[in-house]
Structure formats: C-alpha cells, structure tokens
C-alpha cells in the first residue's frame, strides 16, 4: 500500500495505490487526514473491485482533488479490504505535508 498526497499550485490531491496477488479483488479507501488535530478532513473516497491480473501489478485509486484549510499538516490515509469482506481494515499514511 502506498497512499500519496501532492500539492500542485493551489490544489491538493490524494491517491491510493496497492499491489496484490493475482486473482485478488480489493476495495481501496483514501481520505485527507489532519495529523495535528487527529481527525479526518474529507469523506472517504473509494475505488471498488480493483483486480490484480498479474504478479506485482499496481492498482491506483485517484488522483482526487481535495479542499481543506491552509497551514495545517496533512497526510493521505489509506485503508483496504478484500472485496468479499464487510469492513475496511489495515491502514497506511503518506508522509506529512503542510498545505
């Protein structure tokens, strides 16, 4: 898993990335997270039924443009679940950026 947060000019974007085993199907969730206040800033953005067709394949969910107050440190927070599971688990965060 590899969540990303990037700032381009006046805009911020988040992306979720994952590698999986051939034949596996997953759902990915990505959100912007205020690391100072320890709270989610955006609703989770999701990509459903991401399928891995070959070994080492990288599935990508995003770039999603997000808005949030300036001058605060943020991370992109990613979660995942197997397509057949009911709840998202796991979790990874991108490096922190202040926007």
N, C-alpha and C. Protein backbone atom coordinates (compact mmCIF):
# COMPACT_ATOMS: atom_id res chain seq x y z
N UNK A 1 0.85 -1.17 0.00
CA UNK A 1 0.00 0.00 0.00
C UNK A 1 0.89 1.23 0.00
N UNK A 2 0.40 2.25 -0.69
CA UNK A 2 1.22 3.44 -0.84
C UNK A 2 0.33 4.66 -1.07
N UNK A 3 -0.20 5.26 0.01
CA UNK A 3 -1.01 6.47 -0.17
C UNK A 3 -0.13 7.66 -0.53
N UNK A 4 -0.69 8.57 -1.32
CA UNK A 4 0.06 9.75 -1.76
C UNK A 4 -0.75 11.01 -1.53
N UNK A 5 -0.05 12.08 -1.20
CA UNK A 5 -0.62 13.42 -1.08
C UNK A 5 0.31 14.33 -1.86
N UNK A 6 -0.24 15.12 -2.78
CA UNK A 6 0.60 16.06 -3.51
C UNK A 6 -0.10 17.42 -3.58
N UNK A 7 0.73 18.45 -3.61
CA UNK A 7 0.26 19.82 -3.76
C UNK A 7 0.76 20.32 -5.11
N UNK A 8 -0.15 20.81 -5.93
CA UNK A 8 0.20 21.35 -7.24
C UNK A 8 -0.40 22.75 -7.30
N UNK A 9 0.46 23.75 -7.19
CA UNK A 9 -0.02 25.13 -7.18
C UNK A 9 -0.91 25.37 -5.98
N UNK A 10 -2.16 25.70 -6.23
CA UNK A 10 -3.13 25.99 -5.18
C UNK A 10 -4.03 24.80 -4.86
N UNK A 11 -3.73 23.63 -5.40
CA UNK A 11 -4.62 22.48 -5.25
C UNK A 11 -3.91 21.31 -4.58
N UNK A 12 -4.70 20.52 -3.84
CA UNK A 12 -4.18 19.32 -3.18
C UNK A 12 -4.89 18.09 -3.75
N UNK A 13 -4.15 16.99 -3.87
CA UNK A 13 -4.68 15.76 -4.44
C UNK A 13 -4.25 14.57 -3.58
N UNK A 14 -5.12 13.55 -3.51
CA UNK A 14 -4.77 12.31 -2.80
C UNK A 14 -4.99 11.11 -3.73
N UNK A 15 -4.22 10.06 -3.46
CA UNK A 15 -4.27 8.86 -4.28
C UNK A 15 -3.96 7.65 -3.41
N UNK A 16 -4.64 6.53 -3.68
CA UNK A 16 -4.35 5.25 -3.03
C UNK A 16 -3.74 4.32 -4.07
N UNK A 17 -2.73 3.55 -3.64
CA UNK A 17 -2.10 2.57 -4.52
C UNK A 17 -1.89 1.28 -3.75
N UNK A 18 -2.04 0.15 -4.45
CA UNK A 18 -1.85 -1.14 -3.79
C UNK A 18 -1.36 -2.18 -4.79
N UNK A 19 -0.59 -3.12 -4.28
CA UNK A 19 -0.19 -4.31 -5.04
C UNK A 19 -0.84 -5.51 -4.36
N UNK A 20 -1.18 -6.52 -5.16
CA UNK A 20 -1.82 -7.70 -4.59
C UNK A 20 -1.50 -8.95 -5.38
N UNK A 21 -1.97 -10.07 -4.87
CA UNK A 21 -1.76 -11.35 -5.53
C UNK A 21 -2.68 -11.49 -6.73
N UNK A 22 -2.22 -12.19 -7.74
CA UNK A 22 -3.01 -12.44 -8.94
C UNK A 22 -4.36 -13.04 -8.55
N UNK A 23 -5.43 -12.50 -9.13
CA UNK A 23 -6.78 -13.00 -8.87
C UNK A 23 -7.46 -12.38 -7.68
N UNK A 24 -6.72 -11.60 -6.89
CA UNK A 24 -7.31 -10.95 -5.71
C UNK A 24 -8.09 -9.72 -6.15
N UNK A 25 -9.20 -9.47 -5.46
CA UNK A 25 -10.02 -8.30 -5.73
C UNK A 25 -10.20 -7.52 -4.42
N UNK A 26 -9.87 -6.23 -4.44
CA UNK A 26 -9.93 -5.41 -3.22
C UNK A 26 -10.68 -4.11 -3.48
N UNK A 27 -11.14 -3.50 -2.40
CA UNK A 27 -11.67 -2.14 -2.41
C UNK A 27 -10.65 -1.27 -1.69
N UNK A 28 -10.39 -0.08 -2.22
CA UNK A 28 -9.46 0.86 -1.61
C UNK A 28 -10.21 2.10 -1.15
N UNK A 29 -9.76 2.67 -0.05
CA UNK A 29 -10.34 3.89 0.51
C UNK A 29 -9.21 4.86 0.81
N UNK A 30 -9.40 6.13 0.45
CA UNK A 30 -8.39 7.16 0.70
C UNK A 30 -9.09 8.41 1.23
N UNK A 31 -8.45 9.07 2.20
CA UNK A 31 -9.03 10.30 2.76
C UNK A 31 -7.91 11.23 3.20
N UNK A 32 -8.23 12.51 3.28
CA UNK A 32 -7.29 13.50 3.79
C UNK A 32 -7.46 13.57 5.30
N UNK A 33 -6.34 13.58 6.03
CA UNK A 33 -6.36 13.49 7.48
C UNK A 33 -5.51 14.62 8.07
N UNK A 34 -6.09 15.35 9.02
CA UNK A 34 -5.39 16.42 9.74
C UNK A 34 -4.56 15.77 10.83
N UNK A 35 -3.24 15.72 10.65
CA UNK A 35 -2.39 14.99 11.59
C UNK A 35 -2.16 15.76 12.89
N UNK A 36 -2.46 17.04 12.91
CA UNK A 36 -2.32 17.82 14.15
C UNK A 36 -3.55 17.62 15.05
N UNK A 37 -4.74 17.67 14.47
CA UNK A 37 -5.98 17.52 15.24
C UNK A 37 -6.44 16.07 15.33
N UNK A 38 -5.74 15.16 14.63
CA UNK A 38 -6.11 13.75 14.62
C UNK A 38 -7.56 13.55 14.21
N UNK A 39 -7.90 14.09 13.03
CA UNK A 39 -9.26 13.93 12.53
C UNK A 39 -9.27 13.87 11.00
N UNK A 40 -10.27 13.20 10.49
CA UNK A 40 -10.47 13.11 9.05
C UNK A 40 -11.05 14.42 8.53
N UNK A 41 -10.52 14.90 7.41
CA UNK A 41 -10.96 16.17 6.83
C UNK A 41 -11.94 15.94 5.68
N UNK A 42 -11.75 14.88 4.91
CA UNK A 42 -12.64 14.58 3.79
C UNK A 42 -13.38 13.27 4.05
N UNK A 43 -14.48 13.11 3.38
CA UNK A 43 -15.15 11.80 3.39
C UNK A 43 -14.25 10.81 2.67
N UNK A 44 -14.33 9.53 3.03
CA UNK A 44 -13.52 8.54 2.32
C UNK A 44 -13.91 8.50 0.84
N UNK A 45 -12.91 8.47 -0.01
CA UNK A 45 -13.10 8.32 -1.45
C UNK A 45 -12.71 6.88 -1.77
N UNK A 46 -13.56 6.18 -2.51
CA UNK A 46 -13.36 4.74 -2.67
C UNK A 46 -13.32 4.31 -4.12
N UNK A 47 -12.52 3.27 -4.34
CA UNK A 47 -12.48 2.55 -5.61
C UNK A 47 -12.83 1.10 -5.29
N UNK A 48 -13.80 0.57 -5.99
CA UNK A 48 -14.29 -0.78 -5.70
C UNK A 48 -13.83 -1.78 -6.76
N UNK A 49 -13.65 -3.01 -6.31
CA UNK A 49 -13.37 -4.15 -7.18
C UNK A 49 -12.10 -3.95 -8.02
N UNK A 50 -11.02 -3.55 -7.35
CA UNK A 50 -9.72 -3.43 -8.01
C UNK A 50 -9.14 -4.84 -8.12
N UNK A 51 -8.87 -5.30 -9.34
CA UNK A 51 -8.42 -6.68 -9.57
C UNK A 51 -6.97 -6.71 -10.04
N UNK A 52 -6.23 -7.64 -9.48
CA UNK A 52 -4.83 -7.80 -9.83
C UNK A 52 -4.70 -8.93 -10.85
N UNK A 53 -4.33 -8.57 -12.08
CA UNK A 53 -4.28 -9.53 -13.18
C UNK A 53 -2.93 -10.23 -13.31
N UNK A 54 -1.87 -9.59 -12.82
CA UNK A 54 -0.54 -10.21 -12.91
C UNK A 54 0.27 -9.87 -11.67
N UNK A 55 1.26 -10.68 -11.39
CA UNK A 55 2.10 -10.52 -10.20
C UNK A 55 2.80 -9.17 -10.22
N UNK A 56 2.72 -8.44 -9.11
CA UNK A 56 3.38 -7.15 -8.99
C UNK A 56 2.60 -5.99 -9.57
N UNK A 57 1.38 -6.25 -10.07
CA UNK A 57 0.57 -5.17 -10.64
C UNK A 57 0.21 -4.14 -9.57
N UNK A 58 0.28 -2.87 -9.94
CA UNK A 58 -0.09 -1.76 -9.04
C UNK A 58 -1.44 -1.22 -9.48
N UNK A 59 -2.42 -1.30 -8.60
CA UNK A 59 -3.73 -0.69 -8.85
C UNK A 59 -3.75 0.69 -8.22
N UNK A 60 -4.34 1.66 -8.91
CA UNK A 60 -4.34 3.06 -8.48
C UNK A 60 -5.77 3.57 -8.35
N UNK A 61 -6.02 4.29 -7.27
CA UNK A 61 -7.33 4.88 -6.98
C UNK A 61 -7.13 6.39 -6.78
N UNK A 62 -7.49 7.20 -7.76
CA UNK A 62 -7.25 8.64 -7.68
C UNK A 62 -6.37 9.05 -8.85
N UNK A 63 -6.04 10.24 -8.91
CA UNK A 63 -5.94 11.39 -8.04
C UNK A 63 -7.31 12.03 -7.83
N UNK A 64 -7.60 12.33 -6.56
CA UNK A 64 -8.81 13.06 -6.19
C UNK A 64 -8.39 14.44 -5.68
N UNK A 65 -9.03 15.48 -6.21
CA UNK A 65 -8.77 16.82 -5.70
C UNK A 65 -9.54 16.99 -4.39
N UNK A 66 -8.86 17.53 -3.38
CA UNK A 66 -9.47 17.74 -2.06
C UNK A 66 -9.27 19.19 -1.64
N UNK A 67 -10.15 19.67 -0.78
CA UNK A 67 -10.02 21.02 -0.24
C UNK A 67 -10.00 20.95 1.28
N UNK A 68 -9.22 21.85 1.87
CA UNK A 68 -9.09 21.89 3.32
C UNK A 68 -8.44 23.21 3.71
N UNK A 69 -8.55 23.60 4.98
CA UNK A 69 -7.90 24.83 5.43
C UNK A 69 -6.38 24.78 5.21
N UNK A 70 -5.78 25.92 4.96
CA UNK A 70 -4.34 26.02 4.73
C UNK A 70 -3.56 26.10 6.04
N UNK A 71 -2.25 25.82 5.95
CA UNK A 71 -1.35 25.98 7.08
C UNK A 71 -1.40 24.86 8.09
N UNK A 72 -1.96 23.73 7.71
CA UNK A 72 -2.13 22.60 8.63
C UNK A 72 -1.39 21.40 8.05
N UNK A 73 -0.73 20.59 8.90
CA UNK A 73 -0.08 19.38 8.39
C UNK A 73 -1.11 18.28 8.10
N UNK A 74 -1.03 17.73 6.90
CA UNK A 74 -1.95 16.68 6.46
C UNK A 74 -1.20 15.44 6.02
N UNK A 75 -1.91 14.31 6.05
CA UNK A 75 -1.45 13.07 5.44
C UNK A 75 -2.62 12.50 4.64
N UNK A 76 -2.31 11.68 3.65
CA UNK A 76 -3.32 10.87 2.98
C UNK A 76 -3.37 9.55 3.74
N UNK A 77 -4.55 9.16 4.16
CA UNK A 77 -4.72 7.92 4.94
C UNK A 77 -5.48 6.92 4.07
N UNK A 78 -4.86 5.75 3.87
CA UNK A 78 -5.41 4.71 3.00
C UNK A 78 -5.80 3.49 3.82
N UNK A 79 -6.93 2.89 3.43
CA UNK A 79 -7.37 1.62 4.02
C UNK A 79 -7.79 0.70 2.88
N UNK A 80 -7.96 -0.57 3.18
CA UNK A 80 -8.32 -1.53 2.15
C UNK A 80 -9.16 -2.65 2.76
N UNK A 81 -9.81 -3.41 1.87
CA UNK A 81 -10.49 -4.64 2.29
C UNK A 81 -10.60 -5.56 1.08
N UNK A 82 -10.62 -6.85 1.36
CA UNK A 82 -10.93 -7.80 0.31
C UNK A 82 -12.35 -7.51 -0.16
N UNK A 83 -12.62 -7.72 -1.42
CA UNK A 83 -13.93 -7.41 -1.99
C UNK A 83 -15.05 -8.13 -1.23
N UNK A 84 -14.77 -9.31 -0.70
CA UNK A 84 -15.79 -10.10 -0.01
C UNK A 84 -15.95 -9.72 1.46
N UNK A 85 -15.07 -8.90 2.00
CA UNK A 85 -15.14 -8.50 3.41
C UNK A 85 -16.17 -7.40 3.61
N UNK A 86 -16.63 -7.24 4.85
CA UNK A 86 -17.64 -6.22 5.13
C UNK A 86 -17.05 -4.90 5.61
N UNK A 87 -15.87 -4.93 6.20
CA UNK A 87 -15.30 -3.70 6.78
C UNK A 87 -13.88 -3.46 6.28
N UNK A 88 -13.54 -2.17 6.17
CA UNK A 88 -12.17 -1.79 5.81
C UNK A 88 -11.26 -2.00 7.01
N UNK A 89 -10.03 -2.42 6.74
CA UNK A 89 -9.05 -2.63 7.80
C UNK A 89 -7.71 -2.11 7.35
N UNK A 90 -6.71 -2.48 8.12
CA UNK A 90 -5.37 -2.04 7.78
C UNK A 90 -5.29 -0.53 7.74
N UNK A 91 -4.22 -0.02 7.32
CA UNK A 91 -4.10 1.42 7.17
C UNK A 91 -2.66 1.85 7.02
N UNK A 92 -2.47 2.79 6.13
CA UNK A 92 -1.16 3.39 5.89
C UNK A 92 -1.35 4.88 5.70
N UNK A 93 -0.32 5.65 6.01
CA UNK A 93 -0.37 7.09 5.83
C UNK A 93 0.80 7.54 4.96
N UNK A 94 0.55 8.57 4.18
CA UNK A 94 1.60 9.18 3.37
C UNK A 94 2.51 10.01 4.26
N UNK A 95 3.65 10.42 3.76
CA UNK A 95 4.43 11.42 4.50
C UNK A 95 3.60 12.69 4.69
N UNK A 96 3.87 13.39 5.76
CA UNK A 96 3.11 14.60 6.11
C UNK A 96 3.54 15.79 5.25
N UNK A 97 2.54 16.58 4.82
CA UNK A 97 2.77 17.82 4.09
C UNK A 97 1.93 18.92 4.72
N UNK A 98 2.49 20.11 4.82
CA UNK A 98 1.70 21.26 5.26
C UNK A 98 1.28 22.04 4.04
N UNK A 99 -0.03 22.27 3.92
CA UNK A 99 -0.57 22.96 2.76
C UNK A 99 -1.03 24.33 3.17
